[in-house]
Amino acid sequence: MKNNEIAHTANIITLKTLRERRFYLALAHADEHWQQTTASFRLEELHATENDAERAGCVIAGVWTLEQAIEDVRRAYLASH
């Protein structure tokens, strides 16, 4: 890398994307079923991630079907292993 070059190491996320993510997270956290699900997870010493909450919010909002959310979980799992 030369002196006048900038190394790009971060993903750029738009403000719109961040707002949508916050909306879906808030929607999930306010939903009684999601609250019960995460409480059950904690009893089993499992923890839902923010990505899990975002997926749930997308399903609750009707943006994704349950099948789409399951496929997203499957893709994320395969990418991490």
C-alpha atoms as a PDB file:
ATOM      1  CA  MET A   1       0.000   0.000   0.000  1.00  0.00           C
ATOM      2  CA  LYS A   2       1.308   3.432  -0.928  1.00  0.00           C
ATOM      3  CA  ASN A   3       1.210   6.456   1.347  1.00  0.00           C
ATOM      4  CA  ASN A   4      -1.745   8.040  -0.418  1.00  0.00           C
ATOM      5  CA  GLU A   5      -3.876   4.896  -0.435  1.00  0.00           C
ATOM      6  CA  ILE A   6      -6.441   4.098   2.207  1.00  0.00           C
ATOM      7  CA  ALA A   7      -6.983   0.548   3.295  1.00  0.00           C
ATOM      8  CA  HIS A   8     -10.680  -0.354   3.305  1.00  0.00           C
ATOM      9  CA  THR A   9     -11.272  -2.817   6.078  1.00  0.00           C
ATOM     10  CA  ALA A  10     -14.821  -2.076   7.224  1.00  0.00           C
ATOM     11  CA  ASN A  11     -18.159  -2.869   5.658  1.00  0.00           C
ATOM     12  CA  ILE A  12     -20.122   0.231   4.772  1.00  0.00           C
ATOM     13  CA  ILE A  13     -23.695   0.153   6.029  1.00  0.00           C
ATOM     14  CA  THR A  14     -26.240   2.748   5.037  1.00  0.00           C
ATOM     15  CA  LEU A  15     -28.275   4.684   7.558  1.00  0.00           C
ATOM     16  CA  LYS A  16     -31.423   3.206   6.009  1.00  0.00           C
ATOM     17  CA  THR A  17     -30.114  -0.314   6.629  1.00  0.00           C
ATOM     18  CA  LEU A  18     -29.302   0.519  10.251  1.00  0.00           C
ATOM     19  CA  ARG A  19     -32.756   2.002  10.794  1.00  0.00           C
ATOM     20  CA  GLU A  20     -34.420  -1.071   9.304  1.00  0.00           C
ATOM     21  CA  ARG A  21     -32.318  -3.335  11.509  1.00  0.00           C
ATOM     22  CA  ARG A  22     -33.266  -1.315  14.609  1.00  0.00           C
ATOM     23  CA  PHE A  23     -36.925  -1.508  13.605  1.00  0.00           C
ATOM     24  CA  TYR A  24     -36.823  -5.306  13.246  1.00  0.00           C
ATOM     25  CA  LEU A  25     -34.908  -5.697  16.509  1.00  0.00           C
ATOM     26  CA  ALA A  26     -37.403  -3.516  18.375  1.00  0.00           C
ATOM     27  CA  LEU A  27     -40.290  -5.405  16.814  1.00  0.00           C
ATOM     28  CA  ALA A  28     -38.869  -8.747  17.923  1.00  0.00           C
ATOM     29  CA  HIS A  29     -38.000  -7.587  21.436  1.00  0.00           C
ATOM     30  CA  ALA A  30     -41.545  -6.228  21.896  1.00  0.00           C
ATOM     31  CA  ASP A  31     -43.172  -9.453  20.681  1.00  0.00           C
ATOM     32  CA  GLU A  32     -44.461 -11.760  23.418  1.00  0.00           C
ATOM     33  CA  HIS A  33     -43.619 -14.919  21.450  1.00  0.00           C
ATOM     34  CA  TRP A  34     -40.025 -13.802  20.909  1.00  0.00           C
ATOM     35  CA  GLN A  35     -39.734 -12.955  24.607  1.00  0.00           C
ATOM     36  CA  GLN A  36     -40.991 -16.428  25.529  1.00  0.00           C
ATOM     37  CA  THR A  37     -38.634 -18.039  23.029  1.00  0.00           C
ATOM     38  CA  THR A  38     -35.580 -16.222  24.361  1.00  0.00           C
ATOM     39  CA  ALA A  39     -36.636 -17.008  27.949  1.00  0.00           C
ATOM     40  CA  SER A  40     -36.791 -20.696  27.032  1.00  0.00           C
ATOM     41  CA  PHE A  41     -33.366 -20.411  25.405  1.00  0.00           C
ATOM     42  CA  ARG A  42     -31.914 -18.917  28.590  1.00  0.00           C
ATOM     43  CA  LEU A  43     -33.314 -21.782  30.657  1.00  0.00           C
ATOM     44  CA  GLU A  44     -31.288 -24.116  28.434  1.00  0.00           C
ATOM     45  CA  GLU A  45     -28.255 -21.784  28.649  1.00  0.00           C
ATOM     46  CA  LEU A  46     -28.641 -20.834  24.984  1.00  0.00           C
ATOM     47  CA  HIS A  47     -28.535 -17.247  23.798  1.00  0.00           C
ATOM     48  CA  ALA A  48     -30.297 -15.681  20.833  1.00  0.00           C
ATOM     49  CA  THR A  49     -28.128 -13.216  18.949  1.00  0.00           C
ATOM     50  CA  GLU A  50     -29.088  -9.835  17.556  1.00  0.00           C
ATOM     51  CA  ASN A  51     -29.114 -11.500  14.125  1.00  0.00           C
ATOM     52  CA  ASP A  52     -31.649 -14.004  15.455  1.00  0.00           C
ATOM     53  CA  ALA A  53     -33.791 -11.139  16.759  1.00  0.00           C
ATOM     54  CA  GLU A  54     -33.530  -9.342  13.427  1.00  0.00           C
ATOM     55  CA  ARG A  55     -34.680 -12.474  11.596  1.00  0.00           C
ATOM     56  CA  ALA A  56     -37.590 -12.821  14.018  1.00  0.00           C
ATOM     57  CA  GLY A  57     -38.511  -9.182  13.471  1.00  0.00           C
ATOM     58  CA  CYS A  58     -38.523  -9.707   9.705  1.00  0.00           C
ATOM     59  CA  VAL A  59     -40.885 -12.656  10.120  1.00  0.00           C
ATOM     60  CA  ILE A  60     -43.109 -10.752  12.549  1.00  0.00           C
ATOM     61  CA  ALA A  61     -43.270  -7.803  10.127  1.00  0.00           C
ATOM     62  CA  GLY A  62     -44.212 -10.139   7.281  1.00  0.00           C
ATOM     63  CA  VAL A  63     -41.125  -9.239   5.258  1.00  0.00           C
ATOM     64  CA  TRP A  64     -39.823 -12.812   5.418  1.00  0.00           C
ATOM     65  CA  THR A  65     -41.604 -16.124   5.605  1.00  0.00           C
ATOM     66  CA  LEU A  66     -40.572 -18.597   8.257  1.00  0.00           C
ATOM     67  CA  GLU A  67     -38.987 -20.689   5.509  1.00  0.00           C
ATOM     68  CA  GLN A  68     -36.849 -17.720   4.405  1.00  0.00           C
ATOM     69  CA  ALA A  69     -35.671 -17.156   7.980  1.00  0.00           C
ATOM     70  CA  ILE A  70     -34.790 -20.835   8.361  1.00  0.00           C
ATOM     71  CA  GLU A  71     -32.850 -20.735   5.096  1.00  0.00           C
ATOM     72  CA  ASP A  72     -30.971 -17.649   6.309  1.00  0.00           C
ATOM     73  CA  VAL A  73     -30.031 -19.473   9.516  1.00  0.00           C
ATOM     74  CA  ARG A  74     -28.890 -22.449   7.459  1.00  0.00           C
ATOM     75  CA  ARG A  75     -26.732 -20.239   5.197  1.00  0.00           C
ATOM     76  CA  ALA A  76     -25.190 -18.448   8.192  1.00  0.00           C
ATOM     77  CA  TYR A  77     -24.398 -21.769   9.827  1.00  0.00           C
ATOM     78  CA  LEU A  78     -22.789 -23.208   6.709  1.00  0.00           C
ATOM     79  CA  ALA A  79     -20.744 -20.049   6.191  1.00  0.00           C
ATOM     80  CA  SER A  80     -19.369 -20.276   9.744  1.00  0.00           C
ATOM     81  CA  HIS A  81     -18.355 -23.945   9.512  1.00  0.00           C
END
